[in-house]
Amino acid sequence: MDRILIHRLAVFARHGVLPEEAVLGQRFYLSLEARLDLRDAGTSDDIGATVSYADLAGLAHRIATERRFRLIEALAETIAQDALAAFPAIQSLTVRIDKPGAPVPLVLDGVAVEITRMRRG
């Protein structure tokens, strides 16, 4: 299966369990891997035969910045479900949420959650 990849879309949002995260906010990075058949788009050179990566990135950005989630797992799940509903050509979608500023009292570069959801039926 072919793929459309969006790497590390930066967003500033207020996701997190701690009250300070809701007040201060922080940077997150969203990465998406949409699996779909791109043969028709490749042979026809027609945008209507694919999923616009700008539209897919815009959907993820809107969800991440207009809503608040306590868990990045919930953010990833919402992006996956909404993208599958909005873009019927996508057969499966992997969503990765990186949280580089996670409030963990250890030295680390960040934490991430990655989920994959497939179209049912």
PDB file of N, CA and C in Angstrom:
ATOM      1  N   MET A   1       0.855  -1.183   0.000  1.00  0.00           N
ATOM      2  CA  MET A   1       0.000   0.000   0.000  1.00  0.00           C
ATOM      3  C   MET A   1       0.895   1.238   0.000  1.00  0.00           C
ATOM      4  N   ASP A   2       0.468   2.240  -0.728  1.00  0.00           N
ATOM      5  CA  ASP A   2       1.207   3.495  -0.833  1.00  0.00           C
ATOM      6  C   ASP A   2       0.975   4.340   0.417  1.00  0.00           C
ATOM      7  N   ARG A   3       1.783   5.377   0.571  1.00  0.00           N
ATOM      8  CA  ARG A   3       1.699   6.184   1.781  1.00  0.00           C
ATOM      9  C   ARG A   3       1.821   7.670   1.486  1.00  0.00           C
ATOM     10  N   ILE A   4       1.102   8.461   2.246  1.00  0.00           N
ATOM     11  CA  ILE A   4       1.306   9.898   2.337  1.00  0.00           C
ATOM     12  C   ILE A   4       1.848  10.138   3.738  1.00  0.00           C
ATOM     13  N   LEU A   5       2.986  10.825   3.817  1.00  0.00           N
ATOM     14  CA  LEU A   5       3.664  11.033   5.092  1.00  0.00           C
ATOM     15  C   LEU A   5       3.711  12.512   5.452  1.00  0.00           C
ATOM     16  N   ILE A   6       3.377  12.823   6.658  1.00  0.00           N
ATOM     17  CA  ILE A   6       3.515  14.178   7.206  1.00  0.00           C
ATOM     18  C   ILE A   6       4.423  14.040   8.425  1.00  0.00           C
ATOM     19  N   HIS A   7       5.558  14.725   8.399  1.00  0.00           N
ATOM     20  CA  HIS A   7       6.552  14.579   9.455  1.00  0.00           C
ATOM     21  C   HIS A   7       6.583  15.792  10.373  1.00  0.00           C
ATOM     22  N   ARG A   8       6.348  15.561  11.645  1.00  0.00           N
ATOM     23  CA  ARG A   8       6.585  16.528  12.713  1.00  0.00           C
ATOM     24  C   ARG A   8       5.975  17.904  12.473  1.00  0.00           C
ATOM     25  N   LEU A   9       4.684  17.919  12.275  1.00  0.00           N
ATOM     26  CA  LEU A   9       3.936  19.170  12.204  1.00  0.00           C
ATOM     27  C   LEU A   9       3.934  19.775  13.610  1.00  0.00           C
ATOM     28  N   ALA A  10       4.526  20.931  13.777  1.00  0.00           N
ATOM     29  CA  ALA A  10       4.640  21.559  15.097  1.00  0.00           C
ATOM     30  C   ALA A  10       3.355  22.299  15.443  1.00  0.00           C
ATOM     31  N   VAL A  11       2.881  22.084  16.667  1.00  0.00           N
ATOM     32  CA  VAL A  11       1.719  22.808  17.181  1.00  0.00           C
ATOM     33  C   VAL A  11       1.999  23.239  18.613  1.00  0.00           C
ATOM     34  N   PHE A  12       1.430  24.359  18.995  1.00  0.00           N
ATOM     35  CA  PHE A  12       1.466  24.790  20.388  1.00  0.00           C
ATOM     36  C   PHE A  12       0.080  24.544  20.941  1.00  0.00           C
ATOM     37  N   ALA A  13       0.012  23.763  22.024  1.00  0.00           N
ATOM     38  CA  ALA A  13      -1.297  23.390  22.564  1.00  0.00           C
ATOM     39  C   ALA A  13      -1.194  23.200  24.072  1.00  0.00           C
ATOM     40  N   ARG A  14      -2.317  22.900  24.686  1.00  0.00           N
ATOM     41  CA  ARG A  14      -2.405  22.820  26.141  1.00  0.00           C
ATOM     42  C   ARG A  14      -2.846  21.441  26.630  1.00  0.00           C
ATOM     43  N   HIS A  15      -2.305  20.402  26.042  1.00  0.00           N
ATOM     44  CA  HIS A  15      -2.666  19.037  26.419  1.00  0.00           C
ATOM     45  C   HIS A  15      -1.825  18.573  27.600  1.00  0.00           C
ATOM     46  N   GLY A  16      -2.445  17.779  28.459  1.00  0.00           N
ATOM     47  CA  GLY A  16      -1.715  17.203  29.571  1.00  0.00           C
ATOM     48  C   GLY A  16      -2.585  17.022  30.796  1.00  0.00           C
ATOM     49  N   VAL A  17      -2.143  16.184  31.695  1.00  0.00           N
ATOM     50  CA  VAL A  17      -2.871  15.868  32.918  1.00  0.00           C
ATOM     51  C   VAL A  17      -2.701  16.961  33.961  1.00  0.00           C
ATOM     52  N   LEU A  18      -1.525  17.546  34.027  1.00  0.00           N
ATOM     53  CA  LEU A  18      -1.241  18.530  35.075  1.00  0.00           C
ATOM     54  C   LEU A  18      -1.916  19.872  34.801  1.00  0.00           C
ATOM     55  N   PRO A  19      -2.399  20.545  35.848  1.00  0.00           N
ATOM     56  CA  PRO A  19      -3.050  21.856  35.662  1.00  0.00           C
ATOM     57  C   PRO A  19      -2.134  22.879  34.981  1.00  0.00           C
ATOM     58  N   GLU A  20      -0.836  22.830  35.264  1.00  0.00           N
ATOM     59  CA  GLU A  20       0.100  23.784  34.657  1.00  0.00           C
ATOM     60  C   GLU A  20       0.159  23.637  33.136  1.00  0.00           C
ATOM     61  N   GLU A  21      -0.033  22.414  32.665  1.00  0.00           N
ATOM     62  CA  GLU A  21       0.011  22.191  31.214  1.00  0.00           C
ATOM     63  C   GLU A  21      -1.157  22.885  30.518  1.00  0.00           C
ATOM     64  N   ALA A  22      -2.290  22.956  31.196  1.00  0.00           N
ATOM     65  CA  ALA A  22      -3.452  23.645  30.626  1.00  0.00           C
ATOM     66  C   ALA A  22      -3.232  25.147  30.597  1.00  0.00           C
ATOM     67  N   VAL A  23      -2.480  25.663  31.552  1.00  0.00           N
ATOM     68  CA  VAL A  23      -2.235  27.101  31.638  1.00  0.00           C
ATOM     69  C   VAL A  23      -1.094  27.528  30.728  1.00  0.00           C
ATOM     70  N   LEU A  24       0.038  26.837  30.839  1.00  0.00           N
ATOM     71  CA  LEU A  24       1.239  27.261  30.114  1.00  0.00           C
ATOM     72  C   LEU A  24       1.275  26.793  28.665  1.00  0.00           C
ATOM     73  N   GLY A  25       0.785  25.602  28.410  1.00  0.00           N
ATOM     74  CA  GLY A  25       0.878  25.037  27.066  1.00  0.00           C
ATOM     75  C   GLY A  25       2.305  24.638  26.741  1.00  0.00           C
ATOM     76  N   GLN A  26       2.466  23.968  25.616  1.00  0.00           N
ATOM     77  CA  GLN A  26       3.779  23.519  25.178  1.00  0.00           C
ATOM     78  C   GLN A  26       3.722  23.076  23.722  1.00  0.00           C
ATOM     79  N   ARG A  27       4.887  22.787  23.165  1.00  0.00           N
ATOM     80  CA  ARG A  27       4.980  22.354  21.778  1.00  0.00           C
ATOM     81  C   ARG A  27       4.765  20.841  21.690  1.00  0.00           C
ATOM     82  N   PHE A  28       4.074  20.447  20.642  1.00  0.00           N
ATOM     83  CA  PHE A  28       3.884  19.046  20.289  1.00  0.00           C
ATOM     84  C   PHE A  28       4.239  18.901  18.819  1.00  0.00           C
ATOM     85  N   TYR A  29       4.606  17.692  18.425  1.00  0.00           N
ATOM     86  CA  TYR A  29       4.845  17.399  17.017  1.00  0.00           C
ATOM     87  C   TYR A  29       3.918  16.259  16.599  1.00  0.00           C
ATOM     88  N   LEU A  30       3.227  16.452  15.480  1.00  0.00           N
ATOM     89  CA  LEU A  30       2.299  15.462  14.952  1.00  0.00           C
ATOM     90  C   LEU A  30       2.889  14.877  13.676  1.00  0.00           C
ATOM     91  N   SER A  31       2.918  13.558  13.605  1.00  0.00           N
ATOM     92  CA  SER A  31       3.362  12.873  12.385  1.00  0.00           C
ATOM     93  C   SER A  31       2.271  11.906  11.960  1.00  0.00           C
ATOM     94  N   LEU A  32       1.987  11.878  10.668  1.00  0.00           N
ATOM     95  CA  LEU A  32       0.920  11.043  10.135  1.00  0.00           C
ATOM     96  C   LEU A  32       1.448  10.200   8.990  1.00  0.00           C
ATOM     97  N   GLU A  33       0.984   8.960   8.932  1.00  0.00           N
ATOM     98  CA  GLU A  33       1.276   8.076   7.808  1.00  0.00           C
ATOM     99  C   GLU A  33      -0.046   7.494   7.334  1.00  0.00           C
ATOM    100  N   ALA A  34      -0.536   8.024   6.224  1.00  0.00           N
ATOM    101  CA  ALA A  34      -1.789   7.549   5.637  1.00  0.00           C
ATOM    102  C   ALA A  34      -1.464   6.510   4.574  1.00  0.00           C
ATOM    103  N   ARG A  35      -2.128   5.370   4.656  1.00  0.00           N
ATOM    104  CA  ARG A  35      -1.937   4.313   3.660  1.00  0.00           C
ATOM    105  C   ARG A  35      -3.166   4.270   2.759  1.00  0.00           C
ATOM    106  N   LEU A  36      -2.899   4.361   1.460  1.00  0.00           N
ATOM    107  CA  LEU A  36      -3.956   4.372   0.462  1.00  0.00           C
ATOM    108  C   LEU A  36      -3.352   4.054  -0.893  1.00  0.00           C
ATOM    109  N   ASP A  37      -4.203   3.800  -1.845  1.00  0.00           N
ATOM    110  CA  ASP A  37      -3.741   3.494  -3.203  1.00  0.00           C
ATOM    111  C   ASP A  37      -3.555   4.804  -3.960  1.00  0.00           C
ATOM    112  N   LEU A  38      -2.324   5.086  -4.355  1.00  0.00           N
ATOM    113  CA  LEU A  38      -2.007   6.336  -5.062  1.00  0.00           C
ATOM    114  C   LEU A  38      -1.770   6.125  -6.556  1.00  0.00           C
ATOM    115  N   ARG A  39      -2.073   4.930  -7.053  1.00  0.00           N
ATOM    116  CA  ARG A  39      -1.825   4.630  -8.465  1.00  0.00           C
ATOM    117  C   ARG A  39      -2.581   5.584  -9.398  1.00  0.00           C
ATOM    118  N   ASP A  40      -3.883   5.789  -9.151  1.00  0.00           N
ATOM    119  CA  ASP A  40      -4.663   6.674 -10.030  1.00  0.00           C
ATOM    120  C   ASP A  40      -4.128   8.101 -10.002  1.00  0.00           C
ATOM    121  N   ALA A  41      -3.749   8.574  -8.818  1.00  0.00           N
ATOM    122  CA  ALA A  41      -3.188   9.929  -8.719  1.00  0.00           C
ATOM    123  C   ALA A  41      -1.870  10.015  -9.480  1.00  0.00           C
ATOM    124  N   GLY A  42      -1.068   8.958  -9.378  1.00  0.00           N
ATOM    125  CA  GLY A  42       0.222   8.956 -10.066  1.00  0.00           C
ATOM    126  C   GLY A  42       0.107   8.911 -11.573  1.00  0.00           C
ATOM    127  N   THR A  43      -0.887   8.190 -12.071  1.00  0.00           N
ATOM    128  CA  THR A  43      -1.032   8.080 -13.525  1.00  0.00           C
ATOM    129  C   THR A  43      -1.838   9.222 -14.132  1.00  0.00           C
ATOM    130  N   SER A  44      -2.755   9.799 -13.349  1.00  0.00           N
ATOM    131  CA  SER A  44      -3.605  10.868 -13.901  1.00  0.00           C
ATOM    132  C   SER A  44      -3.101  12.267 -13.577  1.00  0.00           C
ATOM    133  N   ASP A  45      -2.225  12.394 -12.590  1.00  0.00           N
ATOM    134  CA  ASP A  45      -1.750  13.701 -12.132  1.00  0.00           C
ATOM    135  C   ASP A  45      -2.919  14.587 -11.703  1.00  0.00           C
ATOM    136  N   ASP A  46      -3.918  13.964 -11.071  1.00  0.00           N
ATOM    137  CA  ASP A  46      -5.155  14.646 -10.676  1.00  0.00           C
ATOM    138  C   ASP A  46      -5.263  14.657  -9.155  1.00  0.00           C
ATOM    139  N   ILE A  47      -5.343  15.840  -8.567  1.00  0.00           N
ATOM    140  CA  ILE A  47      -5.447  15.977  -7.114  1.00  0.00           C
ATOM    141  C   ILE A  47      -6.703  15.295  -6.578  1.00  0.00           C
ATOM    142  N   GLY A  48      -7.725  15.172  -7.400  1.00  0.00           N
ATOM    143  CA  GLY A  48      -8.958  14.517  -6.977  1.00  0.00           C
ATOM    144  C   GLY A  48      -8.813  13.017  -6.774  1.00  0.00           C
ATOM    145  N   ALA A  49      -7.701  12.460  -7.224  1.00  0.00           N
ATOM    146  CA  ALA A  49      -7.477  11.021  -7.099  1.00  0.00           C
ATOM    147  C   ALA A  49      -6.618  10.675  -5.890  1.00  0.00           C
ATOM    148  N   THR A  50      -6.375  11.660  -5.032  1.00  0.00           N
ATOM    149  CA  THR A  50      -5.544  11.422  -3.847  1.00  0.00           C
ATOM    150  C   THR A  50      -6.170  12.146  -2.659  1.00  0.00           C
ATOM    151  N   VAL A  51      -5.472  12.147  -1.559  1.00  0.00           N
ATOM    152  CA  VAL A  51      -5.838  12.933  -0.386  1.00  0.00           C
ATOM    153  C   VAL A  51      -4.815  14.053  -0.281  1.00  0.00           C
ATOM    154  N   SER A  52      -5.283  15.270  -0.210  1.00  0.00           N
ATOM    155  CA  SER A  52      -4.379  16.415  -0.100  1.00  0.00           C
ATOM    156  C   SER A  52      -3.656  16.374   1.239  1.00  0.00           C
ATOM    157  N   TYR A  53      -2.335  16.362   1.199  1.00  0.00           N
ATOM    158  CA  TYR A  53      -1.591  16.358   2.459  1.00  0.00           C
ATOM    159  C   TYR A  53      -1.822  17.650   3.229  1.00  0.00           C
ATOM    160  N   ALA A  54      -2.117  18.748   2.507  1.00  0.00           N
ATOM    161  CA  ALA A  54      -2.431  20.008   3.187  1.00  0.00           C
ATOM    162  C   ALA A  54      -3.739  19.886   3.970  1.00  0.00           C
ATOM    163  N   ASP A  55      -4.727  19.230   3.375  1.00  0.00           N
ATOM    164  CA  ASP A  55      -6.005  19.036   4.075  1.00  0.00           C
ATOM    165  C   ASP A  55      -5.849  18.103   5.268  1.00  0.00           C
ATOM    166  N   LEU A  56      -5.073  17.046   5.105  1.00  0.00           N
ATOM    167  CA  LEU A  56      -4.844  16.096   6.185  1.00  0.00           C
ATOM    168  C   LEU A  56      -4.093  16.769   7.340  1.00  0.00           C
ATOM    169  N   ALA A  57      -3.061  17.527   7.015  1.00  0.00           N
ATOM    170  CA  ALA A  57      -2.311  18.252   8.046  1.00  0.00           C
ATOM    171  C   ALA A  57      -3.186  19.299   8.722  1.00  0.00           C
ATOM    172  N   GLY A  58      -4.019  19.966   7.939  1.00  0.00           N
ATOM    173  CA  GLY A  58      -4.921  20.972   8.506  1.00  0.00           C
ATOM    174  C   GLY A  58      -5.899  20.371   9.493  1.00  0.00           C
ATOM    175  N   LEU A  59      -6.440  19.203   9.182  1.00  0.00           N
ATOM    176  CA  LEU A  59      -7.354  18.520  10.093  1.00  0.00           C
ATOM    177  C   LEU A  59      -6.644  18.209  11.415  1.00  0.00           C
ATOM    178  N   ALA A  60      -5.447  17.648  11.343  1.00  0.00           N
ATOM    179  CA  ALA A  60      -4.698  17.311  12.556  1.00  0.00           C
ATOM    180  C   ALA A  60      -4.368  18.570  13.357  1.00  0.00           C
ATOM    181  N   HIS A  61      -3.971  19.620  12.677  1.00  0.00           N
ATOM    182  CA  HIS A  61      -3.632  20.886  13.346  1.00  0.00           C
ATOM    183  C   HIS A  61      -4.847  21.465  14.065  1.00  0.00           C
ATOM    184  N   ARG A  62      -5.985  21.473  13.402  1.00  0.00           N
ATOM    185  CA  ARG A  62      -7.213  22.007  14.025  1.00  0.00           C
ATOM    186  C   ARG A  62      -7.574  21.231  15.290  1.00  0.00           C
ATOM    187  N   ILE A  63      -7.549  19.918  15.205  1.00  0.00           N
ATOM    188  CA  ILE A  63      -7.894  19.103  16.376  1.00  0.00           C
ATOM    189  C   ILE A  63      -6.925  19.391  17.515  1.00  0.00           C
ATOM    190  N   ALA A  64      -5.633  19.460  17.214  1.00  0.00           N
ATOM    191  CA  ALA A  64      -4.620  19.644  18.256  1.00  0.00           C
ATOM    192  C   ALA A  64      -4.661  21.032  18.890  1.00  0.00           C
ATOM    193  N   THR A  65      -5.105  22.036  18.144  1.00  0.00           N
ATOM    194  CA  THR A  65      -5.068  23.402  18.676  1.00  0.00           C
ATOM    195  C   THR A  65      -6.423  23.915  19.143  1.00  0.00           C
ATOM    196  N   GLU A  66      -7.507  23.332  18.670  1.00  0.00           N
ATOM    197  CA  GLU A  66      -8.832  23.833  19.049  1.00  0.00           C
ATOM    198  C   GLU A  66      -9.479  23.043  20.176  1.00  0.00           C
ATOM    199  N   ARG A  67      -8.931  21.885  20.497  1.00  0.00           N
ATOM    200  CA  ARG A  67      -9.471  21.061  21.576  1.00  0.00           C
ATOM    201  C   ARG A  67      -8.376  20.789  22.596  1.00  0.00           C
ATOM    202  N   ARG A  68      -8.786  20.420  23.788  1.00  0.00           N
ATOM    203  CA  ARG A  68      -7.810  20.088  24.833  1.00  0.00           C
ATOM    204  C   ARG A  68      -8.017  18.645  25.271  1.00  0.00           C
ATOM    205  N   PHE A  69      -6.917  17.922  25.363  1.00  0.00           N
ATOM    206  CA  PHE A  69      -6.941  16.529  25.799  1.00  0.00           C
ATOM    207  C   PHE A  69      -6.013  16.375  26.991  1.00  0.00           C
ATOM    208  N   ARG A  70      -6.407  15.557  27.934  1.00  0.00           N
ATOM    209  CA  ARG A  70      -5.527  15.244  29.060  1.00  0.00           C
ATOM    210  C   ARG A  70      -4.430  14.282  28.609  1.00  0.00           C
ATOM    211  N   LEU A  71      -4.776  13.361  27.733  1.00  0.00           N
ATOM    212  CA  LEU A  71      -3.824  12.341  27.275  1.00  0.00           C
ATOM    213  C   LEU A  71      -3.505  12.518  25.795  1.00  0.00           C
ATOM    214  N   ILE A  72      -2.226  12.362  25.453  1.00  0.00           N
ATOM    215  CA  ILE A  72      -1.887  12.421  24.034  1.00  0.00           C
ATOM    216  C   ILE A  72      -2.436  11.202  23.302  1.00  0.00           C
ATOM    217  N   GLU A  73      -2.738  10.131  24.034  1.00  0.00           N
ATOM    218  CA  GLU A  73      -3.406   8.981  23.427  1.00  0.00           C
ATOM    219  C   GLU A  73      -4.780   9.393  22.878  1.00  0.00           C
ATOM    220  N   ALA A  74      -5.493  10.224  23.624  1.00  0.00           N
ATOM    221  CA  ALA A  74      -6.820  10.687  23.189  1.00  0.00           C
ATOM    222  C   ALA A  74      -6.703  11.636  21.999  1.00  0.00           C
ATOM    223  N   LEU A  75      -5.679  12.464  21.992  1.00  0.00           N
ATOM    224  CA  LEU A  75      -5.433  13.348  20.843  1.00  0.00           C
ATOM    225  C   LEU A  75      -5.171  12.513  19.594  1.00  0.00           C
ATOM    226  N   ALA A  76      -4.299  11.512  19.703  1.00  0.00           N
ATOM    227  CA  ALA A  76      -3.989  10.657  18.556  1.00  0.00           C
ATOM    228  C   ALA A  76      -5.226   9.916  18.062  1.00  0.00           C
ATOM    229  N   GLU A  77      -6.006   9.392  18.979  1.00  0.00           N
ATOM    230  CA  GLU A  77      -7.215   8.650  18.608  1.00  0.00           C
ATOM    231  C   GLU A  77      -8.210   9.543  17.873  1.00  0.00           C
ATOM    232  N   THR A  78      -8.400  10.756  18.348  1.00  0.00           N
ATOM    233  CA  THR A  78      -9.337  11.688  17.709  1.00  0.00           C
ATOM    234  C   THR A  78      -8.864  12.054  16.307  1.00  0.00           C
ATOM    235  N   ILE A  79      -7.584  12.322  16.149  1.00  0.00           N
ATOM    236  CA  ILE A  79      -7.051  12.625  14.820  1.00  0.00           C
ATOM    237  C   ILE A  79      -7.281  11.444  13.878  1.00  0.00           C
ATOM    238  N   ALA A  80      -6.981  10.236  14.336  1.00  0.00           N
ATOM    239  CA  ALA A  80      -7.142   9.054  13.483  1.00  0.00           C
ATOM    240  C   ALA A  80      -8.596   8.850  13.084  1.00  0.00           C
ATOM    241  N   GLN A  81      -9.501   8.902  14.042  1.00  0.00           N
ATOM    242  CA  GLN A  81     -10.921   8.669  13.744  1.00  0.00           C
ATOM    243  C   GLN A  81     -11.485   9.748  12.820  1.00  0.00           C
ATOM    244  N   ASP A  82     -11.162  11.006  13.093  1.00  0.00           N
ATOM    245  CA  ASP A  82     -11.682  12.095  12.264  1.00  0.00           C
ATOM    246  C   ASP A  82     -11.105  12.047  10.848  1.00  0.00           C
ATOM    247  N   ALA A  83      -9.828  11.701  10.716  1.00  0.00           N
ATOM    248  CA  ALA A  83      -9.217  11.614   9.382  1.00  0.00           C
ATOM    249  C   ALA A  83      -9.814  10.467   8.578  1.00  0.00           C
ATOM    250  N   LEU A  84     -10.029   9.322   9.211  1.00  0.00           N
ATOM    251  CA  LEU A  84     -10.648   8.204   8.500  1.00  0.00           C
ATOM    252  C   LEU A  84     -12.067   8.552   8.062  1.00  0.00           C
ATOM    253  N   ALA A  85     -12.777   9.316   8.879  1.00  0.00           N
ATOM    254  CA  ALA A  85     -14.136   9.731   8.515  1.00  0.00           C
ATOM    255  C   ALA A  85     -14.125  10.768   7.385  1.00  0.00           C
ATOM    256  N   ALA A  86     -13.151  11.652   7.405  1.00  0.00           N
ATOM    257  CA  ALA A  86     -13.108  12.746   6.426  1.00  0.00           C
ATOM    258  C   ALA A  86     -12.545  12.335   5.071  1.00  0.00           C
ATOM    259  N   PHE A  87     -11.683  11.333   5.054  1.00  0.00           N
ATOM    260  CA  PHE A  87     -10.989  10.958   3.822  1.00  0.00           C
ATOM    261  C   PHE A  87     -11.204   9.469   3.533  1.00  0.00           C
ATOM    262  N   PRO A  88     -12.259   9.127   2.804  1.00  0.00           N
ATOM    263  CA  PRO A  88     -12.592   7.718   2.555  1.00  0.00           C
ATOM    264  C   PRO A  88     -11.508   6.925   1.828  1.00  0.00           C
ATOM    265  N   ALA A  89     -10.619   7.567   1.109  1.00  0.00           N
ATOM    266  CA  ALA A  89      -9.570   6.847   0.384  1.00  0.00           C
ATOM    267  C   ALA A  89      -8.507   6.271   1.320  1.00  0.00           C
ATOM    268  N   ILE A  90      -8.377   6.826   2.513  1.00  0.00           N
ATOM    269  CA  ILE A  90      -7.370   6.335   3.449  1.00  0.00           C
ATOM    270  C   ILE A  90      -7.826   4.995   4.011  1.00  0.00           C
ATOM    271  N   GLN A  91      -6.984   3.983   3.862  1.00  0.00           N
ATOM    272  CA  GLN A  91      -7.295   2.649   4.377  1.00  0.00           C
ATOM    273  C   GLN A  91      -6.815   2.456   5.806  1.00  0.00           C
ATOM    274  N   SER A  92      -5.679   3.059   6.151  1.00  0.00           N
ATOM    275  CA  SER A  92      -5.202   3.040   7.532  1.00  0.00           C
ATOM    276  C   SER A  92      -4.391   4.300   7.775  1.00  0.00           C
ATOM    277  N   LEU A  93      -4.312   4.667   9.048  1.00  0.00           N
ATOM    278  CA  LEU A  93      -3.603   5.889   9.415  1.00  0.00           C
ATOM    279  C   LEU A  93      -2.820   5.637  10.691  1.00  0.00           C
ATOM    280  N   THR A  94      -1.539   5.958  10.640  1.00  0.00           N
ATOM    281  CA  THR A  94      -0.702   5.935  11.837  1.00  0.00           C
ATOM    282  C   THR A  94      -0.508   7.376  12.278  1.00  0.00           C
ATOM    283  N   VAL A  95      -0.761   7.622  13.551  1.00  0.00           N
ATOM    284  CA  VAL A  95      -0.615   8.955  14.130  1.00  0.00           C
ATOM    285  C   VAL A  95       0.411   8.865  15.251  1.00  0.00           C
ATOM    286  N   ARG A  96       1.399   9.736  15.199  1.00  0.00           N
ATOM    287  CA  ARG A  96       2.402   9.813  16.263  1.00  0.00           C
ATOM    288  C   ARG A  96       2.359  11.214  16.854  1.00  0.00           C
ATOM    289  N   ILE A  97       2.279  11.271  18.169  1.00  0.00           N
ATOM    290  CA  ILE A  97       2.303  12.540  18.887  1.00  0.00           C
ATOM    291  C   ILE A  97       3.574  12.552  19.729  1.00  0.00           C
ATOM    292  N   ASP A  98       4.461  13.504  19.450  1.00  0.00           N
ATOM    293  CA  ASP A  98       5.668  13.685  20.249  1.00  0.00           C
ATOM    294  C   ASP A  98       5.456  14.848  21.206  1.00  0.00           C
ATOM    295  N   LYS A  99       5.833  14.627  22.456  1.00  0.00           N
ATOM    296  CA  LYS A  99       5.706  15.643  23.497  1.00  0.00           C
ATOM    297  C   LYS A  99       7.101  15.864  24.090  1.00  0.00           C
ATOM    298  N   PRO A 100       7.882  16.768  23.479  1.00  0.00           N
ATOM    299  CA  PRO A 100       9.265  16.937  23.923  1.00  0.00           C
ATOM    300  C   PRO A 100       9.395  17.535  25.318  1.00  0.00           C
ATOM    301  N   GLY A 101       8.408  18.287  25.762  1.00  0.00           N
ATOM    302  CA  GLY A 101       8.486  18.937  27.067  1.00  0.00           C
ATOM    303  C   GLY A 101       7.697  18.223  28.146  1.00  0.00           C
ATOM    304  N   ALA A 102       7.569  16.919  28.036  1.00  0.00           N
ATOM    305  CA  ALA A 102       6.788  16.162  29.015  1.00  0.00           C
ATOM    306  C   ALA A 102       7.346  16.383  30.425  1.00  0.00           C
ATOM    307  N   PRO A 103       6.447  16.618  31.385  1.00  0.00           N
ATOM    308  CA  PRO A 103       6.899  16.877  32.755  1.00  0.00           C
ATOM    309  C   PRO A 103       7.300  15.592  33.476  1.00  0.00           C
ATOM    310  N   VAL A 104       8.445  15.069  33.094  1.00  0.00           N
ATOM    311  CA  VAL A 104       8.988  13.850  33.676  1.00  0.00           C
ATOM    312  C   VAL A 104      10.296  14.237  34.378  1.00  0.00           C
ATOM    313  N   PRO A 105      10.476  13.879  35.629  1.00  0.00           N
ATOM    314  CA  PRO A 105      11.678  14.301  36.361  1.00  0.00           C
ATOM    315  C   PRO A 105      12.916  13.472  36.017  1.00  0.00           C
ATOM    316  N   LEU A 106      13.149  13.282  34.747  1.00  0.00           N
ATOM    317  CA  LEU A 106      14.309  12.548  34.247  1.00  0.00           C
ATOM    318  C   LEU A 106      14.856  13.281  33.034  1.00  0.00           C
ATOM    319  N   VAL A 107      16.080  12.999  32.672  1.00  0.00           N
ATOM    320  CA  VAL A 107      16.662  13.606  31.483  1.00  0.00           C
ATOM    321  C   VAL A 107      16.273  12.749  30.285  1.00  0.00           C
ATOM    322  N   LEU A 108      15.417  13.312  29.421  1.00  0.00           N
ATOM    323  CA  LEU A 108      15.011  12.622  28.199  1.00  0.00           C
ATOM    324  C   LEU A 108      14.669  13.645  27.137  1.00  0.00           C
ATOM    325  N   ASP A 109      14.672  13.207  25.891  1.00  0.00           N
ATOM    326  CA  ASP A 109      14.359  14.116  24.786  1.00  0.00           C
ATOM    327  C   ASP A 109      12.866  14.362  24.648  1.00  0.00           C
ATOM    328  N   GLY A 110      12.070  13.491  25.196  1.00  0.00           N
ATOM    329  CA  GLY A 110      10.625  13.630  25.097  1.00  0.00           C
ATOM    330  C   GLY A 110       9.970  12.272  25.151  1.00  0.00           C
ATOM    331  N   VAL A 111       8.672  12.293  25.060  1.00  0.00           N
ATOM    332  CA  VAL A 111       7.883  11.065  25.014  1.00  0.00           C
ATOM    333  C   VAL A 111       7.007  11.112  23.775  1.00  0.00           C
ATOM    334  N   ALA A 112       6.490   9.959  23.377  1.00  0.00           N
ATOM    335  CA  ALA A 112       5.631   9.905  22.193  1.00  0.00           C
ATOM    336  C   ALA A 112       4.634   8.763  22.340  1.00  0.00           C
ATOM    337  N   VAL A 113       3.534   8.924  21.639  1.00  0.00           N
ATOM    338  CA  VAL A 113       2.536   7.877  21.494  1.00  0.00           C
ATOM    339  C   VAL A 113       2.328   7.683  20.004  1.00  0.00           C
ATOM    340  N   GLU A 114       2.212   6.437  19.574  1.00  0.00           N
ATOM    341  CA  GLU A 114       1.948   6.142  18.165  1.00  0.00           C
ATOM    342  C   GLU A 114       0.866   5.081  18.094  1.00  0.00           C
ATOM    343  N   ILE A 115      -0.175   5.383  17.307  1.00  0.00           N
ATOM    344  CA  ILE A 115      -1.263   4.442  17.115  1.00  0.00           C
ATOM    345  C   ILE A 115      -1.492   4.229  15.619  1.00  0.00           C
ATOM    346  N   THR A 116      -2.057   3.095  15.265  1.00  0.00           N
ATOM    347  CA  THR A 116      -2.479   2.822  13.895  1.00  0.00           C
ATOM    348  C   THR A 116      -3.920   2.371  13.926  1.00  0.00           C
ATOM    349  N   ARG A 117      -4.746   2.991  13.095  1.00  0.00           N
ATOM    350  CA  ARG A 117      -6.147   2.624  12.984  1.00  0.00           C
ATOM    351  C   ARG A 117      -6.459   2.313  11.530  1.00  0.00           C
ATOM    352  N   MET A 118      -7.251   1.264  11.325  1.00  0.00           N
ATOM    353  CA  MET A 118      -7.626   0.823   9.979  1.00  0.00           C
ATOM    354  C   MET A 118      -9.108   1.031   9.756  1.00  0.00           C
ATOM    355  N   ARG A 119      -9.435   1.261   8.512  1.00  0.00           N
ATOM    356  CA  ARG A 119     -10.839   1.381   8.142  1.00  0.00           C
ATOM    357  C   ARG A 119     -11.522   0.049   8.347  1.00  0.00           C
ATOM    358  N   ARG A 120     -12.688   0.067   8.916  1.00  0.00           N
ATOM    359  CA  ARG A 120     -13.446  -1.160   9.150  1.00  0.00           C
ATOM    360  C   ARG A 120     -14.378  -1.423   7.978  1.00  0.00           C
ATOM    361  N   GLY A 121     -14.521  -2.685   7.668  1.00  0.00           N
ATOM    362  CA  GLY A 121     -15.461  -3.082   6.615  1.00  0.00           C
ATOM    363  C   GLY A 121     -14.913  -2.905   5.309  1.00  0.00           C
TER     364      GLY A 121
END
